[in-house]
Amino acid sequence: MRKPLVRIISIRGVVISGESSPLGPLPILPFTGGGITQSDDIVRYIQLPESDRRVKAIIFEIDSPGGTPYASKEIADAIKKIKKPTVAQIREHGTSGAYWIASACKKIVADPLSSIGGIGTRAERIDLSELAKKIGIKIDSFIKGEYKGIGSPYSELSEKEKKFIEEHVEAFNKYFVDEVKQNRNIKDDKILGDITSGKSYMGKDALDLGLIDYLGGKEKAIQIASELAGVQLYADYRKGGIEKPGLMFRIFKKLF
């Protein structure tokens, strides 16, 4: 008789949208030393166990500082549609968008030394306008639309543009917080305020705050998945993150 399985899908490094390619996503190359996970790959991996009768549960092995709001939401939404038991196993990091993903699982297991939570949203924009002036670079921009030039690093933001960005960050953050609140069934407003401050917590504190359900590692995650499935399960691995970066990634890594 064939053994019942728990599919283990890894989510490592920065979480972004799209699918893996030989080149990798160039815009964030300098910041992805820990690798990347792309949402299309994870969603595809998720769909495979649904049709595999041997797979009775899924463990998401997470070691990630988070990623873009869309990619995190895409994976979390896909997890919530799974009919089989799901368990998140947080290793070193499960913060920001990665915690959003973990919160979509039925149960969360984390190591006592894990960094967990970091629930909040931020946006950054580089302003090179003063540097351009100092080195004699003049930028001519031809723009139609009041907010069309908001992404340019060669001009200062107006107060209206700053307000526009702040409103978007606030909207993203509200959606993020509401999802975590619903996923983890958090009803205490004080606890919700504590965990949505952007602060990350170590395993024991995260357990006390209700961010996770159990302390432990892989064995504990398999045990919980087996209990949820009602049968002893055996691990079957699928890797989600890119562990062998493409040529362009390696070139840019040397440059930076």
Protein backbone atom coordinates (compact mmCIF):
# COMPACT_ATOMS: atom_id res chain seq x y z
CA MET A 1 0.00 0.00 0.00
CA ARG A 2 1.35 3.43 -0.95
CA LYS A 3 2.07 5.77 1.98
CA PRO A 4 -0.12 8.86 2.44
CA LEU A 5 1.89 12.05 1.89
CA VAL A 6 2.14 15.60 3.14
CA ARG A 7 3.38 17.83 0.34
CA ILE A 8 6.00 20.32 1.58
CA ILE A 9 6.27 23.51 -0.48
CA SER A 10 9.04 25.97 0.37
CA ILE A 11 8.59 29.74 0.27
CA ARG A 12 11.97 31.40 0.63
CA GLY A 13 13.36 34.87 0.12
CA VAL A 14 11.46 37.82 -1.30
CA VAL A 15 7.95 37.00 -2.54
CA ILE A 16 7.07 38.61 -5.87
CA SER A 17 4.47 38.08 -8.57
CA GLY A 18 5.06 36.19 -11.82
CA GLU A 19 6.87 32.95 -12.50
CA SER A 20 10.51 31.93 -12.48
CA SER A 21 12.71 32.53 -15.51
CA PRO A 22 16.44 32.05 -16.28
CA LEU A 23 17.07 35.78 -15.85
CA GLY A 24 15.03 36.48 -12.76
CA PRO A 25 13.35 39.82 -12.06
CA LEU A 26 16.01 42.46 -12.65
CA PRO A 27 14.50 45.39 -10.67
CA ILE A 28 15.13 43.80 -7.25
CA LEU A 29 18.29 41.85 -7.97
CA PRO A 30 20.53 43.77 -5.53
CA PHE A 31 18.20 42.97 -2.64
CA THR A 32 17.49 39.27 -3.14
CA GLY A 33 20.53 37.66 -1.56
CA GLY A 34 18.27 35.14 0.16
CA GLY A 35 16.62 34.10 -3.10
CA ILE A 36 13.13 34.76 -4.40
CA THR A 37 9.78 33.01 -4.55
CA GLN A 38 7.38 33.85 -7.36
CA SER A 39 3.66 33.57 -6.79
CA ASP A 40 2.77 31.85 -10.08
CA ASP A 41 5.12 28.98 -9.20
CA ILE A 42 3.60 28.52 -5.73
CA VAL A 43 0.01 28.69 -6.99
CA ARG A 44 0.89 26.02 -9.57
CA TYR A 45 2.51 23.80 -6.93
CA ILE A 46 -0.56 24.23 -4.73
CA GLN A 47 -2.88 23.01 -7.46
CA LEU A 48 -0.99 19.73 -8.00
CA PRO A 49 -1.76 18.09 -4.60
CA GLU A 50 -5.46 18.84 -4.98
CA SER A 51 -5.68 16.22 -7.71
CA ASP A 52 -3.24 13.79 -6.05
CA ARG A 53 -5.13 11.39 -3.78
CA ARG A 54 -1.95 10.34 -1.97
CA VAL A 55 -1.40 13.90 -0.74
CA LYS A 56 -3.56 14.36 2.35
CA ALA A 57 -2.17 17.72 3.57
CA ILE A 58 0.23 20.51 2.60
CA ILE A 59 2.97 22.15 4.65
CA PHE A 60 4.30 25.54 3.56
CA GLU A 61 7.90 25.79 4.77
CA ILE A 62 8.43 29.55 5.08
CA ASP A 63 11.69 31.46 5.45
CA SER A 64 10.93 34.88 4.02
CA PRO A 65 10.91 38.56 5.05
CA GLY A 66 7.82 39.13 2.88
CA GLY A 67 7.34 40.70 -0.51
CA THR A 68 4.89 42.65 -2.63
CA PRO A 69 1.27 42.96 -1.49
CA TYR A 70 -0.17 41.46 -4.67
CA ALA A 71 2.08 38.38 -4.67
CA SER A 72 1.45 37.73 -0.96
CA LYS A 73 -2.30 38.07 -1.46
CA GLU A 74 -2.24 35.80 -4.51
CA ILE A 75 -0.60 32.96 -2.59
CA ALA A 76 -2.71 33.49 0.54
CA ASP A 77 -5.92 33.44 -1.53
CA ALA A 78 -4.83 30.21 -3.22
CA ILE A 79 -4.08 28.59 0.15
CA LYS A 80 -7.52 29.47 1.51
CA LYS A 81 -9.14 27.64 -1.41
CA ILE A 82 -7.36 24.36 -0.58
CA LYS A 83 -9.74 21.71 0.73
CA LYS A 84 -6.98 19.66 2.38
CA PRO A 85 -5.38 20.59 5.73
CA THR A 86 -2.67 23.25 5.50
CA VAL A 87 0.13 23.99 7.95
CA ALA A 88 2.70 26.81 7.85
CA GLN A 89 6.13 25.99 9.23
CA ILE A 90 8.05 29.22 9.82
CA ARG A 91 11.79 28.77 9.99
CA GLU A 92 14.02 31.83 10.56
CA HIS A 93 11.72 34.51 9.10
CA GLY A 94 7.98 34.74 8.59
CA THR A 95 7.30 38.45 8.51
CA SER A 96 5.21 40.97 6.57
CA GLY A 97 3.77 39.37 3.40
CA ALA A 98 5.23 35.99 4.37
CA TYR A 99 3.25 36.08 7.59
CA TRP A 100 0.14 37.00 5.58
CA ILE A 101 0.71 33.78 3.64
CA ALA A 102 1.25 31.78 6.85
CA SER A 103 -1.92 33.20 8.40
CA ALA A 104 -3.97 31.72 5.55
CA CYS A 105 -3.04 28.19 6.72
CA LYS A 106 -5.12 26.22 9.20
CA LYS A 107 -2.24 26.06 11.72
CA ILE A 108 1.14 27.75 12.13
CA VAL A 109 4.26 26.17 13.65
CA ALA A 110 7.40 28.23 14.32
CA ASP A 111 10.77 27.85 15.99
CA PRO A 112 11.33 29.64 19.32
CA LEU A 113 14.00 31.72 17.55
CA SER A 114 11.88 32.55 14.50
CA SER A 115 11.13 36.17 13.63
CA ILE A 116 7.36 36.42 13.17
CA GLY A 117 4.82 39.14 12.36
CA GLY A 118 6.16 42.45 11.12
CA ILE A 119 2.62 43.31 10.06
CA GLY A 120 2.63 46.67 8.33
CA THR A 121 3.11 48.32 4.96
CA ARG A 122 5.73 50.67 3.55
CA ALA A 123 6.57 52.33 0.26
CA GLU A 124 9.88 53.87 -0.72
CA ARG A 125 10.85 56.25 -3.49
CA ILE A 126 14.35 57.39 -4.36
CA ASP A 127 14.72 61.14 -4.96
CA LEU A 128 17.74 61.84 -7.17
CA SER A 129 16.73 65.40 -8.08
CA GLU A 130 19.39 67.14 -5.94
CA LEU A 131 22.12 64.71 -7.06
CA ALA A 132 21.20 65.32 -10.71
CA LYS A 133 21.55 69.08 -10.20
CA LYS A 134 24.95 68.71 -8.51
CA ILE A 135 26.46 66.63 -11.32
CA GLY A 136 24.88 68.74 -14.05
CA ILE A 137 22.19 66.40 -15.32
CA LYS A 138 19.09 68.11 -16.67
CA ILE A 139 15.94 66.04 -17.15
CA ASP A 140 13.26 67.17 -19.59
CA SER A 141 9.94 65.48 -18.86
CA PHE A 142 6.84 65.67 -21.04
CA ILE A 143 3.90 64.52 -18.95
CA LYS A 144 0.16 64.47 -19.43
CA GLY A 145 -1.78 63.65 -16.29
CA GLU A 146 -1.34 65.29 -12.88
CA TYR A 147 0.06 62.18 -11.20
CA LYS A 148 1.77 60.56 -14.20
CA GLY A 149 5.27 61.57 -13.11
CA ILE A 150 4.93 60.33 -9.55
CA GLY A 151 7.34 57.43 -10.08
CA SER A 152 10.18 59.51 -11.48
CA PRO A 153 13.24 59.69 -9.18
CA TYR A 154 14.37 62.94 -10.85
CA SER A 155 11.85 65.29 -9.27
CA GLU A 156 10.62 66.08 -5.77
CA LEU A 157 7.16 64.94 -4.76
CA SER A 158 4.49 67.57 -4.39
CA GLU A 159 2.30 67.56 -1.29
CA LYS A 160 -0.58 66.16 -3.36
CA GLU A 161 1.65 63.35 -4.64
CA LYS A 162 2.82 62.52 -1.12
CA LYS A 163 -0.79 62.37 0.05
CA PHE A 164 -1.66 60.13 -2.91
CA ILE A 165 1.09 57.64 -1.96
CA GLU A 166 0.17 57.77 1.73
CA GLU A 167 -3.46 56.96 0.89
CA HIS A 168 -2.37 53.95 -1.15
CA VAL A 169 -0.08 52.69 1.62
CA GLU A 170 -2.93 53.11 4.12
CA ALA A 171 -5.32 51.18 1.85
CA PHE A 172 -2.81 48.34 1.37
CA ASN A 173 -2.18 48.21 5.11
CA LYS A 174 -5.87 48.11 6.02
CA TYR A 175 -6.44 45.20 3.64
CA PHE A 176 -3.39 43.38 5.05
CA VAL A 177 -4.48 43.88 8.67
CA ASP A 178 -8.08 42.87 7.95
CA GLU A 179 -6.90 39.66 6.28
CA VAL A 180 -4.66 38.69 9.19
CA LYS A 181 -7.40 39.57 11.67
CA GLN A 182 -9.85 37.33 9.84
CA ASN A 183 -7.41 34.50 9.16
CA ARG A 184 -6.26 34.31 12.80
CA ASN A 185 -9.66 35.15 14.29
CA ILE A 186 -8.22 38.03 16.34
CA LYS A 187 -10.94 39.81 18.32
CA ASP A 188 -8.95 41.65 20.97
CA ASP A 189 -8.29 45.19 19.69
CA LYS A 190 -5.31 45.67 22.01
CA ILE A 191 -3.61 42.52 20.72
CA LEU A 192 -4.45 43.56 17.16
CA GLY A 193 -2.84 46.95 17.80
CA ASP A 194 0.29 45.31 19.22
CA ILE A 195 0.82 42.90 16.35
CA THR A 196 0.07 45.43 13.59
CA SER A 197 2.70 47.92 14.76
CA GLY A 198 5.24 46.54 12.27
CA LYS A 199 7.17 44.85 15.07
CA SER A 200 8.36 41.28 14.72
CA TYR A 201 8.21 38.78 17.58
CA MET A 202 10.22 35.71 18.54
CA GLY A 203 8.47 32.37 18.77
CA LYS A 204 7.35 32.36 22.44
CA ASP A 205 5.98 35.92 22.30
CA ALA A 206 4.29 35.17 18.96
CA LEU A 207 2.62 32.15 20.56
CA ASP A 208 1.36 34.23 23.49
CA LEU A 209 -0.08 36.83 21.10
CA GLY A 210 -1.83 34.23 18.97
CA LEU A 211 0.31 34.81 15.88
CA ILE A 212 1.20 31.10 15.82
CA ASP A 213 -0.28 27.88 17.22
CA TYR A 214 2.73 25.74 18.13
CA LEU A 215 6.46 25.95 18.78
CA GLY A 216 8.56 23.47 16.85
CA GLY A 217 10.12 22.57 13.55
CA LYS A 218 9.55 20.20 10.64
CA GLU A 219 8.68 17.18 12.79
CA LYS A 220 6.08 19.19 14.69
CA ALA A 221 4.58 20.49 11.46
CA ILE A 222 4.29 16.95 10.07
CA GLN A 223 2.73 15.80 13.35
CA ILE A 224 0.10 18.57 13.21
CA ALA A 225 -0.62 17.90 9.53
CA SER A 226 -1.07 14.20 10.34
CA GLU A 227 -3.48 15.02 13.16
CA LEU A 228 -5.51 17.29 10.91
CA ALA A 229 -5.61 14.64 8.17
CA GLY A 230 -6.37 11.81 10.62
CA VAL A 231 -3.55 9.60 9.33
CA GLN A 232 0.24 9.37 9.70
CA LEU A 233 1.78 11.30 6.80
CA TYR A 234 5.18 11.11 5.13
CA ALA A 235 7.02 14.11 3.71
CA ASP A 236 7.09 14.85 -0.02
CA TYR A 237 9.03 17.97 -1.02
CA ARG A 238 8.42 20.61 -3.69
CA LYS A 239 10.71 23.64 -3.83
CA GLY A 240 9.14 27.04 -4.47
CA GLY A 241 12.06 29.48 -4.26
CA ILE A 242 14.74 29.90 -6.90
CA GLU A 243 17.86 28.31 -5.47
CA LYS A 244 20.07 28.53 -8.56
CA PRO A 245 19.92 32.13 -9.81
CA GLY A 246 20.28 32.78 -13.53
CA LEU A 247 23.30 34.32 -15.24
CA MET A 248 22.06 37.92 -14.98
CA PHE A 249 21.39 37.49 -11.26
CA ARG A 250 24.95 36.29 -10.68
CA ILE A 251 26.40 39.19 -12.73
CA PHE A 252 24.39 41.81 -10.86
CA LYS A 253 25.27 40.20 -7.52
CA LYS A 254 28.96 40.70 -8.28
CA LEU A 255 28.34 44.33 -9.25
CA PHE A 256 26.49 45.13 -6.04
